[in-house]
Amino acid sequence: MIRAVFYYRSGAAVGFELRGHAGAGAAGEDIVCAGVSSAAYMTANTLTDVCNVKADIREKDGNLALTVKSSNDAVQAVLKGFFLQMQNLRDDYPDRIQIRVQNMEV
């Protein structure tokens, strides 16, 4: 199961963390993992390379975490778009994706 956590501070999205594997197919053929990975990397690349936002990005063993250093309307739009895409994927594959929202201390 892919476990996604979306982090918020003072009502604003500040990042996400993805862990686990969908287990919907063999390595390299899992369409759920591919969909999540594609959306996550597009989000990270859009934030860092298009919006020029500094972010902490950590990758290890197929897991990905991203936290932005600052925010603006564009950052909020990109992170909200990723959250909505993850909700859509979870609705299509409820046994493969779990989503949680976590508020961080100020």
C-alpha atoms as a PDB file:
ATOM      1  CA  MET A   1       0.000   0.000   0.000  1.00  0.00           C
ATOM      2  CA  ILE A   2       1.176   3.517  -0.804  1.00  0.00           C
ATOM      3  CA  ARG A   3       0.824   5.796   2.186  1.00  0.00           C
ATOM      4  CA  ALA A   4       0.676   9.500   1.376  1.00  0.00           C
ATOM      5  CA  VAL A   5       0.855  12.160   4.063  1.00  0.00           C
ATOM      6  CA  PHE A   6       0.145  15.776   3.158  1.00  0.00           C
ATOM      7  CA  TYR A   7       1.560  18.358   5.544  1.00  0.00           C
ATOM      8  CA  TYR A   8      -0.081  21.678   6.379  1.00  0.00           C
ATOM      9  CA  ARG A   9       1.026  24.586   8.560  1.00  0.00           C
ATOM     10  CA  SER A  10      -1.429  27.327   9.530  1.00  0.00           C
ATOM     11  CA  GLY A  11      -3.838  26.067   6.856  1.00  0.00           C
ATOM     12  CA  ALA A  12      -1.283  26.187   4.036  1.00  0.00           C
ATOM     13  CA  ALA A  13       0.118  23.123   2.282  1.00  0.00           C
ATOM     14  CA  VAL A  14       3.852  22.760   2.933  1.00  0.00           C
ATOM     15  CA  GLY A  15       4.686  19.323   1.553  1.00  0.00           C
ATOM     16  CA  PHE A  16       4.063  15.621   1.314  1.00  0.00           C
ATOM     17  CA  GLU A  17       5.604  12.238   1.965  1.00  0.00           C
ATOM     18  CA  LEU A  18       5.050   9.024  -0.016  1.00  0.00           C
ATOM     19  CA  ARG A  19       5.985   5.606   1.350  1.00  0.00           C
ATOM     20  CA  GLY A  20       5.369   2.043   0.321  1.00  0.00           C
ATOM     21  CA  HIS A  21       4.395   0.256  -2.854  1.00  0.00           C
ATOM     22  CA  ALA A  22       0.977  -0.329  -4.373  1.00  0.00           C
ATOM     23  CA  GLY A  23       1.622  -3.988  -5.120  1.00  0.00           C
ATOM     24  CA  ALA A  24      -0.671  -3.830  -8.143  1.00  0.00           C
ATOM     25  CA  GLY A  25       1.834  -5.460 -10.488  1.00  0.00           C
ATOM     26  CA  ALA A  26       5.400  -6.572 -10.963  1.00  0.00           C
ATOM     27  CA  ALA A  27       8.179  -4.031 -10.506  1.00  0.00           C
ATOM     28  CA  GLY A  28       8.188  -1.797 -13.553  1.00  0.00           C
ATOM     29  CA  GLU A  29       4.651  -2.819 -14.530  1.00  0.00           C
ATOM     30  CA  ASP A  30       2.637  -1.473 -11.575  1.00  0.00           C
ATOM     31  CA  ILE A  31       0.321   1.185 -13.045  1.00  0.00           C
ATOM     32  CA  VAL A  32      -0.670   2.514  -9.619  1.00  0.00           C
ATOM     33  CA  CYS A  33       2.940   3.122  -8.591  1.00  0.00           C
ATOM     34  CA  ALA A  34       3.644   4.614 -12.003  1.00  0.00           C
ATOM     35  CA  GLY A  35       0.710   7.026 -11.719  1.00  0.00           C
ATOM     36  CA  VAL A  36       1.686   8.136  -8.221  1.00  0.00           C
ATOM     37  CA  SER A  37       5.365   8.495  -9.131  1.00  0.00           C
ATOM     38  CA  SER A  38       4.613  10.480 -12.268  1.00  0.00           C
ATOM     39  CA  ALA A  39       2.327  12.894 -10.417  1.00  0.00           C
ATOM     40  CA  ALA A  40       4.792  13.271  -7.521  1.00  0.00           C
ATOM     41  CA  TYR A  41       7.808  14.010  -9.722  1.00  0.00           C
ATOM     42  CA  MET A  42       5.802  16.433 -11.850  1.00  0.00           C
ATOM     43  CA  THR A  43       4.817  18.208  -8.636  1.00  0.00           C
ATOM     44  CA  ALA A  44       8.408  18.358  -7.380  1.00  0.00           C
ATOM     45  CA  ASN A  45       9.765  19.522 -10.745  1.00  0.00           C
ATOM     46  CA  THR A  46       7.060  22.155 -11.168  1.00  0.00           C
ATOM     47  CA  LEU A  47       7.694  23.570  -7.703  1.00  0.00           C
ATOM     48  CA  THR A  48      11.488  23.653  -7.983  1.00  0.00           C
ATOM     49  CA  ASP A  49      12.113  24.278 -11.684  1.00  0.00           C
ATOM     50  CA  VAL A  50       9.059  26.266 -12.794  1.00  0.00           C
ATOM     51  CA  CYS A  51       8.017  28.107  -9.615  1.00  0.00           C
ATOM     52  CA  ASN A  52      11.671  28.390  -8.460  1.00  0.00           C
ATOM     53  CA  VAL A  53      10.769  27.413  -4.903  1.00  0.00           C
ATOM     54  CA  LYS A  54      13.428  26.044  -2.574  1.00  0.00           C
ATOM     55  CA  ALA A  55      12.382  22.676  -1.203  1.00  0.00           C
ATOM     56  CA  ASP A  56      13.806  19.864   0.858  1.00  0.00           C
ATOM     57  CA  ILE A  57      13.456  16.728  -1.253  1.00  0.00           C
ATOM     58  CA  ARG A  58      14.369  13.340   0.152  1.00  0.00           C
ATOM     59  CA  GLU A  59      14.380  10.127  -1.858  1.00  0.00           C
ATOM     60  CA  LYS A  60      15.273   6.747  -0.454  1.00  0.00           C
ATOM     61  CA  ASP A  61      14.296   3.219  -1.411  1.00  0.00           C
ATOM     62  CA  GLY A  62      11.396   4.379  -3.583  1.00  0.00           C
ATOM     63  CA  ASN A  63      10.048   6.781  -0.957  1.00  0.00           C
ATOM     64  CA  LEU A  64       9.764  10.505  -1.631  1.00  0.00           C
ATOM     65  CA  ALA A  65       9.286  13.457   0.702  1.00  0.00           C
ATOM     66  CA  LEU A  66       9.095  17.140  -0.199  1.00  0.00           C
ATOM     67  CA  THR A  67       8.783  20.186   2.035  1.00  0.00           C
ATOM     68  CA  VAL A  68       8.787  23.745   0.679  1.00  0.00           C
ATOM     69  CA  LYS A  69      10.799  26.465   2.409  1.00  0.00           C
ATOM     70  CA  SER A  70       8.319  29.215   1.491  1.00  0.00           C
ATOM     71  CA  SER A  71       4.903  29.437  -0.090  1.00  0.00           C
ATOM     72  CA  ASN A  72       2.819  31.559  -2.413  1.00  0.00           C
ATOM     73  CA  ASP A  73      -0.346  31.103  -4.486  1.00  0.00           C
ATOM     74  CA  ALA A  74       1.465  29.077  -7.148  1.00  0.00           C
ATOM     75  CA  VAL A  75       2.911  26.690  -4.554  1.00  0.00           C
ATOM     76  CA  GLN A  76      -0.514  26.226  -3.007  1.00  0.00           C
ATOM     77  CA  ALA A  77      -2.071  25.556  -6.420  1.00  0.00           C
ATOM     78  CA  VAL A  78       0.552  22.946  -7.350  1.00  0.00           C
ATOM     79  CA  LEU A  79       0.326  21.125  -4.011  1.00  0.00           C
ATOM     80  CA  LYS A  80      -3.475  21.209  -4.097  1.00  0.00           C
ATOM     81  CA  GLY A  81      -3.412  19.787  -7.637  1.00  0.00           C
ATOM     82  CA  PHE A  82      -1.204  16.924  -6.472  1.00  0.00           C
ATOM     83  CA  PHE A  83      -3.481  16.287  -3.489  1.00  0.00           C
ATOM     84  CA  LEU A  84      -6.522  16.141  -5.805  1.00  0.00           C
ATOM     85  CA  GLN A  85      -4.731  13.756  -8.179  1.00  0.00           C
ATOM     86  CA  MET A  86      -3.829  11.498  -5.268  1.00  0.00           C
ATOM     87  CA  GLN A  87      -7.457  11.526  -4.110  1.00  0.00           C
ATOM     88  CA  ASN A  88      -8.557  10.506  -7.615  1.00  0.00           C
ATOM     89  CA  LEU A  89      -6.029   7.670  -7.705  1.00  0.00           C
ATOM     90  CA  ARG A  90      -7.069   6.553  -4.215  1.00  0.00           C
ATOM     91  CA  ASP A  91     -10.719   6.543  -5.293  1.00  0.00           C
ATOM     92  CA  ASP A  92      -9.788   4.351  -8.274  1.00  0.00           C
ATOM     93  CA  TYR A  93      -7.515   2.061  -6.220  1.00  0.00           C
ATOM     94  CA  PRO A  94      -8.771   2.220  -2.604  1.00  0.00           C
ATOM     95  CA  ASP A  95      -6.920  -0.943  -1.579  1.00  0.00           C
ATOM     96  CA  ARG A  96      -3.612   0.432  -2.905  1.00  0.00           C
ATOM     97  CA  ILE A  97      -3.444   4.058  -1.649  1.00  0.00           C
ATOM     98  CA  GLN A  98      -4.036   5.622   1.751  1.00  0.00           C
ATOM     99  CA  ILE A  99      -4.058   9.398   2.282  1.00  0.00           C
ATOM    100  CA  ARG A 100      -3.617  11.256   5.528  1.00  0.00           C
ATOM    101  CA  VAL A 101      -3.473  14.977   6.289  1.00  0.00           C
ATOM    102  CA  GLN A 102      -1.207  16.157   9.096  1.00  0.00           C
ATOM    103  CA  ASN A 103      -1.054  19.628  10.587  1.00  0.00           C
ATOM    104  CA  MET A 104       2.405  20.714  11.651  1.00  0.00           C
ATOM    105  CA  GLU A 105       3.117  22.968  14.584  1.00  0.00           C
ATOM    106  CA  VAL A 106       3.714  26.619  13.807  1.00  0.00           C
END
